[in-house]
Amino acid sequence: METEQTLTVGQVAGLAGVTVRTLHHYDEIGLVVPDRTATGYRQYGATQIDRLQEVLFFRELGFGLDEIARIMREPTYERATTLRRQRDLLETKSRHLRSMLRALDTAIHNETSGETMNYEEKLEVFGDFDPSEYEEEVKERWGDSDAYRQSTKRTNKYTKEDWTAIQAEIAEIYAAFVALMQQGVPSNSPPATQLAERHRAHISRWFYDCSREIHAGLGQMYVADIRFTRNIDRQGEGLAVYMSEAIAASYA
């Protein structure tokens, strides 16, 4: 009978491009637990290498360790299905990154040539969603609010590189929500509510100080306004409802 090949923690770290300390941490939190030799040394076989591969794919997609651990503990978790979903998410991310690279090339050209960007160029990184479509409505609803004034002051100074970074960040948040939804993780579960907090932090970082009350109102608008629902659901069918529920649950 052929003996299964095993690797030391140092060998695995070298192959995976992570530190030994990272692997020790994965072991300590029960994410990737190696076998032990009679003398107590860690050793990794096929099962652990497969699990580490899945974890690293999740990390590449921007998932936090707590999110990964909860997903992988789900009773319905299955490797082949997960790998296919991870591939779909990475393909989406790949298309987005290629688009961002083209946008950055244009931004670099504008910066070095002294050319300026018009509004269309500044907003094209939003893809099919044009925020200017709602500009008058937003101004009418919230024009007198501190949040509107703060957002306007910030965004008027943003370069195309800033808009590219904003779009890349929200795309990762959407992808993480879609993955949870496809895994069957409830919208009121800790991974979903933590992601809702990450979404609120994104708004606060780039636009205005997004309080819990404002965020709850946004979540309601995602399902009350069909235009927002359609835009968000382009990332994944049912995502607007899932996000709205996760946002509401994060303040329950």
Protein backbone atom coordinates (compact mmCIF):
# COMPACT_ATOMS: atom_id res chain seq x y z
CA MET A 1 0.00 0.00 0.00
CA GLU A 2 1.42 3.34 -1.06
CA THR A 3 2.13 5.76 1.77
CA GLU A 4 0.53 9.20 1.47
CA GLN A 5 3.02 11.98 0.90
CA THR A 6 3.14 14.50 3.71
CA LEU A 7 4.79 17.90 3.95
CA THR A 8 6.22 19.86 6.84
CA VAL A 9 4.83 23.25 7.79
CA GLY A 10 7.89 24.91 6.26
CA GLN A 11 7.43 23.08 2.96
CA VAL A 12 3.75 24.02 2.78
CA ALA A 13 4.53 27.66 3.59
CA GLY A 14 7.08 27.76 0.77
CA LEU A 15 4.71 26.20 -1.76
CA ALA A 16 1.71 28.36 -0.81
CA GLY A 17 3.58 31.63 -0.48
CA VAL A 18 2.45 32.20 3.11
CA THR A 19 4.40 32.40 6.33
CA VAL A 20 4.82 29.57 8.82
CA ARG A 21 3.20 31.88 11.36
CA THR A 22 0.10 32.10 9.14
CA LEU A 23 -0.17 28.31 9.00
CA HIS A 24 0.26 28.12 12.76
CA HIS A 25 -2.60 30.62 13.12
CA TYR A 26 -4.83 28.61 10.77
CA ASP A 27 -4.12 25.60 12.96
CA GLU A 28 -4.85 27.46 16.18
CA ILE A 29 -8.26 28.70 14.98
CA GLY A 30 -9.20 25.30 13.53
CA LEU A 31 -9.25 26.43 9.91
CA VAL A 32 -6.53 24.12 8.56
CA VAL A 33 -5.48 21.58 11.18
CA PRO A 34 -2.48 19.38 10.30
CA ASP A 35 -1.73 15.96 11.68
CA ARG A 36 1.02 15.56 14.27
CA THR A 37 3.98 13.25 14.27
CA ALA A 38 4.85 11.20 17.34
CA THR A 39 7.25 13.97 18.34
CA GLY A 40 4.62 16.72 17.90
CA TYR A 41 5.67 18.18 14.55
CA ARG A 42 2.97 19.38 12.15
CA GLN A 43 2.54 17.43 8.91
CA TYR A 44 0.18 18.09 6.03
CA GLY A 45 -1.42 15.45 3.82
CA ALA A 46 -3.86 15.61 0.92
CA THR A 47 -6.85 16.55 3.08
CA GLN A 48 -5.10 19.50 4.69
CA ILE A 49 -3.61 20.69 1.39
CA ASP A 50 -7.05 20.63 -0.25
CA ARG A 51 -8.52 22.62 2.62
CA LEU A 52 -5.68 25.13 2.55
CA GLN A 53 -6.22 25.60 -1.18
CA GLU A 54 -9.88 26.46 -0.58
CA VAL A 55 -8.96 28.88 2.20
CA LEU A 56 -6.44 30.65 -0.01
CA PHE A 57 -9.01 31.00 -2.80
CA PHE A 58 -11.39 32.61 -0.32
CA ARG A 59 -8.64 34.93 0.88
CA GLU A 60 -7.91 35.94 -2.71
CA LEU A 61 -11.58 36.88 -3.03
CA GLY A 62 -11.29 39.17 -0.02
CA PHE A 63 -13.01 37.03 2.61
CA GLY A 64 -12.03 37.41 6.25
CA LEU A 65 -10.95 34.40 8.29
CA ASP A 66 -14.10 34.47 10.42
CA GLU A 67 -16.25 34.47 7.28
CA ILE A 68 -14.26 31.59 5.79
CA ALA A 69 -14.47 29.52 8.96
CA ARG A 70 -18.23 29.94 9.21
CA ILE A 71 -18.79 29.08 5.54
CA MET A 72 -16.63 25.96 5.77
CA ARG A 73 -18.47 24.80 8.88
CA GLU A 74 -21.83 24.86 7.13
CA PRO A 75 -23.37 21.35 6.95
CA THR A 76 -24.01 21.80 3.21
CA TYR A 77 -20.39 22.75 2.49
CA GLU A 78 -19.01 20.69 -0.39
CA ARG A 79 -15.61 21.09 -2.04
CA ALA A 80 -16.52 20.68 -5.73
CA THR A 81 -19.46 23.08 -5.49
CA THR A 82 -17.36 25.59 -3.59
CA LEU A 83 -14.55 25.46 -6.13
CA ARG A 84 -16.99 26.11 -8.99
CA ARG A 85 -18.47 29.08 -7.16
CA GLN A 86 -15.02 30.42 -6.35
CA ARG A 87 -14.12 30.15 -10.02
CA ASP A 88 -17.23 32.13 -11.00
CA LEU A 89 -16.36 34.83 -8.49
CA LEU A 90 -12.74 34.98 -9.62
CA GLU A 91 -13.84 35.23 -13.25
CA THR A 92 -16.08 38.15 -12.36
CA LYS A 93 -13.25 39.75 -10.43
CA SER A 94 -10.88 39.11 -13.35
CA ARG A 95 -13.17 40.91 -15.79
CA HIS A 96 -13.50 43.77 -13.35
CA LEU A 97 -9.74 44.01 -12.84
CA ARG A 98 -9.13 44.06 -16.60
CA SER A 99 -11.58 46.93 -16.83
CA MET A 100 -9.84 48.71 -13.97
CA LEU A 101 -6.46 48.25 -15.66
CA ARG A 102 -7.77 49.92 -18.79
CA ALA A 103 -9.16 52.75 -16.67
CA LEU A 104 -5.81 53.14 -14.90
CA ASP A 105 -3.95 53.23 -18.21
CA THR A 106 -6.21 56.08 -19.28
CA ALA A 107 -5.69 57.85 -15.96
CA ILE A 108 -1.91 57.53 -16.24
CA HIS A 109 -2.05 58.94 -19.77
CA ASN A 110 -4.18 61.88 -18.59
CA GLU A 111 -1.85 62.56 -15.69
CA THR A 112 1.35 62.50 -17.75
CA SER A 113 -0.08 64.40 -20.71
CA GLY A 114 -1.84 67.06 -18.67
CA GLU A 115 -5.23 66.20 -20.10
CA THR A 116 -8.30 66.61 -17.92
CA MET A 117 -11.25 64.24 -17.52
CA ASN A 118 -14.82 65.14 -18.30
CA TYR A 119 -17.71 63.90 -16.19
CA GLU A 120 -18.35 60.91 -18.45
CA GLU A 121 -14.76 59.70 -18.07
CA LYS A 122 -14.91 60.23 -14.33
CA LEU A 123 -18.03 58.10 -13.98
CA GLU A 124 -17.45 55.40 -16.57
CA VAL A 125 -15.84 53.09 -14.00
CA PHE A 126 -19.32 52.59 -12.58
CA GLY A 127 -20.19 50.47 -15.59
CA ASP A 128 -23.89 50.47 -16.44
CA PHE A 129 -24.82 52.38 -13.30
CA ASP A 130 -24.65 56.16 -13.71
CA PRO A 131 -24.98 58.03 -10.40
CA SER A 132 -25.74 61.25 -12.27
CA GLU A 133 -29.07 59.70 -13.25
CA TYR A 134 -30.19 60.22 -9.64
CA GLU A 135 -28.36 63.47 -8.96
CA GLU A 136 -31.42 65.74 -8.98
CA GLU A 137 -33.45 63.33 -6.86
CA VAL A 138 -30.63 62.93 -4.36
CA LYS A 139 -30.20 66.69 -4.12
CA GLU A 140 -33.94 67.18 -3.60
CA ARG A 141 -34.10 64.53 -0.86
CA TRP A 142 -30.86 65.17 0.99
CA GLY A 143 -29.43 68.43 -0.38
CA ASP A 144 -29.72 70.14 2.98
CA SER A 145 -28.13 67.28 4.92
CA ASP A 146 -24.60 67.18 6.29
CA ALA A 147 -24.09 63.81 4.57
CA TYR A 148 -24.89 65.27 1.15
CA ARG A 149 -22.59 68.23 1.66
CA GLN A 150 -19.80 66.00 2.96
CA SER A 151 -20.17 63.58 0.04
CA THR A 152 -20.19 66.39 -2.52
CA LYS A 153 -17.09 67.99 -0.99
CA ARG A 154 -15.20 64.69 -1.03
CA THR A 155 -16.19 63.40 -4.45
CA ASN A 156 -15.50 66.67 -6.22
CA LYS A 157 -11.83 66.17 -5.36
CA TYR A 158 -11.59 62.54 -6.47
CA THR A 159 -9.36 61.55 -9.35
CA LYS A 160 -10.03 58.71 -11.75
CA GLU A 161 -7.68 56.55 -9.64
CA ASP A 162 -9.89 57.25 -6.62
CA TRP A 163 -13.02 56.22 -8.51
CA THR A 164 -11.24 53.08 -9.69
CA ALA A 165 -10.32 52.19 -6.10
CA ILE A 166 -13.89 52.84 -4.96
CA GLN A 167 -15.33 50.59 -7.65
CA ALA A 168 -12.82 47.81 -6.93
CA GLU A 169 -13.63 47.91 -3.22
CA ILE A 170 -17.41 47.79 -3.64
CA ALA A 171 -17.05 45.03 -6.24
CA GLU A 172 -15.23 42.89 -3.65
CA ILE A 173 -17.96 43.58 -1.09
CA TYR A 174 -20.66 42.58 -3.60
CA ALA A 175 -18.72 39.42 -4.49
CA ALA A 176 -18.44 38.47 -0.82
CA PHE A 177 -22.18 38.99 -0.34
CA VAL A 178 -22.94 36.88 -3.42
CA ALA A 179 -20.70 34.07 -2.16
CA LEU A 180 -22.48 34.00 1.20
CA MET A 181 -25.85 34.02 -0.54
CA GLN A 182 -24.86 31.18 -2.86
CA GLN A 183 -23.52 29.18 0.07
CA GLY A 184 -26.93 29.46 1.71
CA VAL A 185 -25.59 31.49 4.64
CA PRO A 186 -28.58 33.28 6.27
CA SER A 187 -28.71 37.03 5.79
CA ASN A 188 -29.01 37.53 9.56
CA SER A 189 -25.96 35.39 10.37
CA PRO A 190 -22.70 36.87 11.74
CA PRO A 191 -20.81 36.60 8.40
CA ALA A 192 -23.55 38.58 6.61
CA THR A 193 -23.96 41.22 9.30
CA GLN A 194 -20.19 41.69 9.55
CA LEU A 195 -20.11 42.21 5.80
CA ALA A 196 -22.91 44.76 6.17
CA GLU A 197 -20.64 46.63 8.59
CA ARG A 198 -17.85 46.48 6.03
CA HIS A 199 -20.27 48.01 3.51
CA ARG A 200 -21.10 50.84 5.93
CA ALA A 201 -17.38 51.44 6.50
CA HIS A 202 -16.88 51.68 2.72
CA ILE A 203 -19.48 54.46 2.50
CA SER A 204 -17.98 56.27 5.48
CA ARG A 205 -14.47 56.00 4.05
CA TRP A 206 -15.28 57.38 0.61
CA PHE A 207 -18.46 59.45 0.79
CA TYR A 208 -19.83 60.56 4.16
CA ASP A 209 -20.04 59.49 7.79
CA CYS A 210 -22.63 56.75 7.42
CA SER A 211 -24.42 56.27 10.73
CA ARG A 212 -26.31 53.10 11.53
CA GLU A 213 -29.58 54.95 10.99
CA ILE A 214 -28.54 56.20 7.56
CA HIS A 215 -27.27 52.74 6.62
CA ALA A 216 -30.58 51.17 7.65
CA GLY A 217 -32.36 53.66 5.42
CA LEU A 218 -30.11 52.77 2.50
CA GLY A 219 -30.86 49.09 3.02
CA GLN A 220 -34.57 49.81 2.82
CA MET A 221 -34.08 51.86 -0.34
CA TYR A 222 -32.25 48.97 -2.02
CA VAL A 223 -35.52 47.05 -2.14
CA ALA A 224 -38.00 49.95 -2.21
CA ASP A 225 -36.53 51.60 -5.32
CA ILE A 226 -36.54 49.25 -8.32
CA ARG A 227 -33.67 51.17 -9.93
CA PHE A 228 -31.34 50.37 -7.06
CA THR A 229 -32.62 46.81 -6.89
CA ARG A 230 -31.89 46.22 -10.56
CA ASN A 231 -28.42 47.71 -10.31
CA ILE A 232 -27.43 45.66 -7.27
CA ASP A 233 -28.99 42.48 -8.65
CA ARG A 234 -26.67 42.70 -11.66
CA GLN A 235 -24.04 41.33 -9.29
CA GLY A 236 -26.26 38.37 -8.37
CA GLU A 237 -29.98 37.68 -8.50
CA GLY A 238 -31.59 38.48 -5.17
CA LEU A 239 -28.56 40.38 -3.84
CA ALA A 240 -30.48 43.59 -3.09
CA VAL A 241 -32.90 41.77 -0.79
CA TYR A 242 -30.07 39.80 0.83
CA MET A 243 -28.05 42.97 1.50
CA SER A 244 -31.11 44.81 2.79
CA GLU A 245 -31.86 41.99 5.23
CA ALA A 246 -28.22 41.77 6.34
CA ILE A 247 -28.09 45.52 6.97
CA ALA A 248 -31.33 45.38 8.99
CA ALA A 249 -30.07 42.38 10.98
CA SER A 250 -26.81 44.12 11.81
CA TYR A 251 -28.75 46.65 13.90
CA ALA A 252 -31.28 44.25 15.43
